[in-house]
N, C-alpha and C. Protein backbone atom coordinates (compact mmCIF):
# COMPACT_ATOMS: atom_id res chain seq x y z
N UNK A 1 3.66 -30.70 27.20
CA UNK A 1 3.00 -30.46 25.86
C UNK A 1 3.64 -29.55 25.17
N UNK A 2 3.84 -29.64 23.63
CA UNK A 2 4.12 -28.56 23.12
C UNK A 2 2.95 -27.97 22.16
N UNK A 3 2.62 -27.14 21.78
CA UNK A 3 1.54 -26.64 20.97
C UNK A 3 1.50 -27.65 19.51
N UNK A 4 2.37 -28.38 19.02
CA UNK A 4 1.97 -29.31 17.99
C UNK A 4 1.01 -30.67 18.33
N UNK A 5 1.55 -30.78 19.84
CA UNK A 5 0.94 -31.88 20.26
C UNK A 5 -0.76 -31.19 20.67
N UNK A 6 -0.99 -29.97 21.04
CA UNK A 6 -2.04 -29.48 21.55
C UNK A 6 -3.17 -29.66 20.36
N UNK A 7 -2.49 -29.02 18.93
CA UNK A 7 -2.98 -28.96 18.08
C UNK A 7 -3.31 -30.12 17.12
N UNK A 8 -2.97 -31.53 17.24
CA UNK A 8 -3.13 -32.59 17.07
C UNK A 8 -4.45 -33.49 18.00
N UNK A 9 -4.32 -32.77 19.06
CA UNK A 9 -5.39 -33.38 20.06
C UNK A 9 -6.80 -33.03 19.82
N UNK A 10 -7.48 -33.97 19.58
CA UNK A 10 -8.69 -33.55 18.97
C UNK A 10 -10.05 -32.86 20.38
N UNK A 11 -9.51 -32.99 21.50
CA UNK A 11 -9.69 -32.57 22.63
C UNK A 11 -9.70 -31.07 22.94
N UNK A 12 -8.60 -30.47 22.44
CA UNK A 12 -8.31 -29.20 22.38
C UNK A 12 -8.90 -28.37 21.75
N UNK A 13 -9.59 -27.61 21.86
CA UNK A 13 -9.98 -26.39 21.28
C UNK A 13 -9.96 -25.31 21.54
N UNK A 14 -10.06 -24.50 20.85
CA UNK A 14 -9.49 -22.78 20.83
C UNK A 14 -10.83 -22.08 19.65
N UNK A 15 -11.17 -20.91 20.41
CA UNK A 15 -12.21 -20.38 19.64
C UNK A 15 -11.34 -19.17 19.22
N UNK A 16 -10.88 -18.96 18.13
CA UNK A 16 -10.06 -18.26 17.13
C UNK A 16 -10.62 -16.83 16.88
N UNK A 17 -11.98 -16.68 16.87
CA UNK A 17 -12.54 -15.53 16.84
C UNK A 17 -12.67 -14.96 18.28
N UNK A 18 -12.82 -15.47 19.42
CA UNK A 18 -12.91 -14.75 20.72
C UNK A 18 -11.44 -14.49 21.21
N UNK A 19 -10.49 -15.29 20.50
CA UNK A 19 -9.04 -15.10 20.77
C UNK A 19 -8.61 -13.61 20.17
N UNK A 20 -9.13 -13.75 19.10
CA UNK A 20 -8.64 -12.14 18.27
C UNK A 20 -9.37 -11.23 18.71
N UNK A 21 -10.79 -10.95 19.26
CA UNK A 21 -11.19 -10.09 19.71
C UNK A 21 -10.73 -9.65 21.01
N UNK A 22 -10.65 -10.71 22.00
CA UNK A 22 -9.70 -10.62 23.19
C UNK A 22 -8.30 -9.64 22.99
N UNK A 23 -7.58 -10.33 22.03
CA UNK A 23 -6.38 -9.53 21.78
C UNK A 23 -6.66 -8.15 21.03
N UNK A 24 -7.63 -8.06 19.86
CA UNK A 24 -7.97 -6.53 19.76
C UNK A 24 -8.28 -5.64 20.94
N UNK A 25 -9.29 -6.44 21.84
CA UNK A 25 -9.64 -5.44 23.09
C UNK A 25 -8.50 -4.96 23.91
N UNK A 26 -7.24 -5.68 24.14
CA UNK A 26 -6.60 -5.65 24.92
C UNK A 26 -5.33 -4.53 24.28
N UNK A 27 -5.27 -4.64 23.21
CA UNK A 27 -4.71 -3.63 22.22
C UNK A 27 -5.46 -2.18 22.57
N UNK A 28 -6.52 -2.21 22.28
CA UNK A 28 -7.45 -0.83 22.19
C UNK A 28 -7.24 -0.38 23.71
N UNK A 29 -7.41 -1.18 24.79
CA UNK A 29 -7.27 -0.51 26.23
C UNK A 29 -5.76 -0.05 26.09
N UNK A 30 -4.96 -0.62 25.87
CA UNK A 30 -3.55 -0.25 26.01
C UNK A 30 -3.31 1.23 25.24
N UNK A 31 -3.85 1.09 24.28
CA UNK A 31 -3.98 2.20 23.20
C UNK A 31 -4.31 3.56 24.20
N UNK A 32 -5.71 3.30 24.40
CA UNK A 32 -6.26 4.69 25.11
C UNK A 32 -5.48 5.09 26.32
N UNK A 33 -4.94 3.61 27.13
CA UNK A 33 -3.61 4.25 28.34
C UNK A 33 -2.75 5.07 27.90
N UNK A 34 -2.14 4.96 26.57
CA UNK A 34 -1.06 5.32 26.29
C UNK A 34 -1.45 6.72 25.58
N UNK A 35 -2.33 7.00 24.84
CA UNK A 35 -3.05 8.43 24.54
C UNK A 35 -3.08 9.30 25.57
N UNK A 36 -3.79 8.87 26.53
CA UNK A 36 -3.84 9.61 27.74
C UNK A 36 -2.51 9.83 28.19
N UNK A 37 -1.77 8.94 28.63
CA UNK A 37 -0.85 9.52 29.21
C UNK A 37 0.79 10.41 28.31
N UNK A 38 0.47 10.02 26.95
CA UNK A 38 1.09 11.17 26.17
C UNK A 38 0.67 12.40 26.14
N UNK A 39 -0.88 12.82 26.32
CA UNK A 39 -1.39 14.18 26.03
C UNK A 39 -1.26 14.70 27.34
N UNK A 40 -1.24 13.76 28.62
CA UNK A 40 -0.61 14.47 29.70
C UNK A 40 1.06 15.11 29.57
N UNK A 41 1.56 14.14 29.16
CA UNK A 41 2.90 14.47 28.99
C UNK A 41 3.25 16.12 28.51
N UNK A 42 2.63 15.87 27.31
CA UNK A 42 2.57 17.02 26.35
C UNK A 42 2.09 18.52 27.08
N UNK A 43 1.14 18.09 27.62
CA UNK A 43 0.37 19.30 28.36
C UNK A 43 1.31 20.02 29.53
N UNK A 44 1.80 18.81 30.00
CA UNK A 44 3.03 19.46 30.76
C UNK A 44 4.19 20.43 30.26
N UNK A 45 4.62 19.81 29.40
CA UNK A 45 6.03 20.29 28.51
C UNK A 45 5.27 21.88 28.06
N UNK A 46 3.85 21.43 27.51
CA UNK A 46 3.27 22.75 27.08
C UNK A 46 3.32 24.18 28.12
N UNK A 47 2.62 23.45 29.42
CA UNK A 47 2.68 24.44 30.48
C UNK A 47 4.12 24.83 30.89
N UNK A 48 5.04 24.14 30.76
CA UNK A 48 6.27 24.31 30.95
C UNK A 48 6.95 25.78 30.32
N UNK A 49 6.48 25.68 29.09
CA UNK A 49 6.80 26.72 27.97
C UNK A 49 6.04 27.73 28.23
N UNK A 50 5.04 28.11 29.25
CA UNK A 50 4.18 29.21 29.41
C UNK A 50 2.91 29.51 28.80
N UNK A 51 2.31 28.36 28.14
CA UNK A 51 1.26 28.46 27.63
C UNK A 51 0.02 28.03 28.22
N UNK A 52 -0.81 28.72 27.75
CA UNK A 52 -2.37 28.78 28.47
C UNK A 52 -3.56 28.71 27.78
N UNK A 53 -4.84 28.09 28.36
CA UNK A 53 -5.89 28.71 27.71
C UNK A 53 -5.86 27.45 26.12
N UNK A 54 -6.66 28.72 25.14
CA UNK A 54 -6.97 27.91 23.97
C UNK A 54 -5.21 27.60 23.09
N UNK A 55 -4.29 28.70 23.33
CA UNK A 55 -2.90 28.33 23.13
C UNK A 55 -2.26 27.08 23.58
N UNK A 56 -2.72 26.59 24.91
CA UNK A 56 -2.08 25.32 25.45
C UNK A 56 -3.10 24.34 24.55
N UNK A 57 -4.49 24.24 24.19
CA UNK A 57 -5.22 23.05 23.63
C UNK A 57 -4.49 23.11 22.50
N UNK A 58 -4.28 24.19 21.74
CA UNK A 58 -3.74 24.15 20.31
C UNK A 58 -2.78 23.35 19.98
N UNK A 59 -1.47 23.61 20.78
CA UNK A 59 -0.31 23.20 20.97
C UNK A 59 -0.34 21.78 21.20
N UNK A 60 -1.43 20.93 22.14
CA UNK A 60 -1.20 19.54 22.63
C UNK A 60 -1.94 19.06 21.43
N UNK A 61 -3.08 19.57 20.60
CA UNK A 61 -3.75 19.15 19.67
C UNK A 61 -2.74 18.96 18.38
N UNK A 62 -2.03 19.86 17.98
CA UNK A 62 -0.87 20.01 17.08
C UNK A 62 -0.13 18.88 17.02
N UNK A 63 0.86 18.94 18.40
CA UNK A 63 1.96 17.67 18.66
C UNK A 63 1.21 16.08 18.45
N UNK A 64 0.15 16.23 18.82
CA UNK A 64 -0.61 14.65 18.77
C UNK A 64 -0.99 14.21 17.40
N UNK A 65 -1.35 15.56 16.71
CA UNK A 65 -1.58 15.06 15.35
C UNK A 65 -0.36 14.86 14.43
N UNK A 66 0.76 15.36 14.88
CA UNK A 66 2.08 15.38 14.45
C UNK A 66 2.91 13.93 14.55
N UNK A 67 2.62 13.55 15.73
CA UNK A 67 3.01 12.14 16.30
C UNK A 67 1.95 11.31 15.58
N UNK A 68 0.52 11.29 15.54
CA UNK A 68 0.07 10.19 14.89
C UNK A 68 0.48 10.31 13.31
N UNK A 69 1.00 11.15 12.96
CA UNK A 69 1.15 10.99 11.13
C UNK A 69 2.25 10.39 11.44
N UNK A 70 3.40 10.96 12.18
CA UNK A 70 4.47 10.10 12.61
C UNK A 70 4.54 8.40 12.45
N UNK A 71 3.63 8.12 13.69
CA UNK A 71 3.05 6.71 13.88
C UNK A 71 2.76 6.12 12.88
N UNK A 72 1.88 6.68 12.23
CA UNK A 72 1.09 5.99 10.87
C UNK A 72 2.16 5.40 9.70
N UNK A 73 3.18 6.35 9.49
CA UNK A 73 3.94 5.97 8.39
C UNK A 73 4.91 4.79 9.09
N UNK A 74 5.17 4.97 10.42
CA UNK A 74 6.16 3.62 11.16
C UNK A 74 5.23 2.51 10.61
N UNK A 75 3.57 2.46 11.14
CA UNK A 75 3.08 1.55 11.21
C UNK A 75 3.12 0.79 9.60
N UNK A 76 2.65 1.70 8.62
CA UNK A 76 2.74 1.21 7.43
C UNK A 76 4.13 0.75 6.77
N UNK A 77 5.55 1.33 7.28
CA UNK A 77 6.46 0.50 7.00
C UNK A 77 6.76 -0.92 7.75
N UNK A 78 5.95 -0.88 8.96
CA UNK A 78 6.19 -2.13 9.73
C UNK A 78 5.28 -3.20 9.04
N UNK A 79 3.91 -3.02 8.61
CA UNK A 79 2.99 -3.89 7.98
C UNK A 79 3.81 -4.55 6.57
N UNK A 80 4.42 -3.48 5.78
CA UNK A 80 5.08 -3.72 4.57
C UNK A 80 5.75 -4.63 4.88
N UNK A 81 6.71 -4.46 5.82
CA UNK A 81 8.08 -5.66 6.13
C UNK A 81 7.40 -6.80 6.75
N UNK A 82 6.63 -6.75 7.15
CA UNK A 82 6.05 -8.10 7.93
C UNK A 82 5.21 -8.79 6.92
N UNK A 83 4.63 -8.08 6.08
CA UNK A 83 4.18 -8.59 4.81
C UNK A 83 4.99 -9.44 3.99
N UNK A 84 6.03 -8.92 3.74
CA UNK A 84 7.58 -9.13 2.92
C UNK A 84 8.11 -10.19 3.84
N UNK A 85 8.47 -10.23 4.86
CA UNK A 85 8.74 -11.52 5.90
C UNK A 85 8.15 -12.34 5.52
N UNK A 86 6.63 -12.20 5.65
CA UNK A 86 5.72 -13.28 5.78
C UNK A 86 5.56 -14.21 4.54
N UNK A 87 5.82 -13.42 3.41
CA UNK A 87 5.76 -13.76 2.02
C UNK A 87 7.01 -14.93 1.63
N UNK A 88 7.99 -14.52 2.31
CA UNK A 88 9.21 -15.25 1.91
C UNK A 88 9.09 -16.83 2.30
N UNK A 89 8.31 -17.32 3.23
CA UNK A 89 8.48 -18.38 3.88
C UNK A 89 7.96 -19.53 2.56
């Protein structure tokens, strides 16, 4: 059975709100895991450079802020491209 057949089947029901919340929750959990991994990797790199204590903490936070800025720009570009792609249909 394909998706079109399922959508036309009155017995087929899907709770869109629950589905969206589940997808959102999974995305958040993945994000938390990735942030923890990234922070650990940055810390290892900074320790290899000989940084310790507050200098280490500052370097980690600075690098994470820099990456967040970069990722935010990428997200904006991707969302704009997605909206443009969807509006062409």
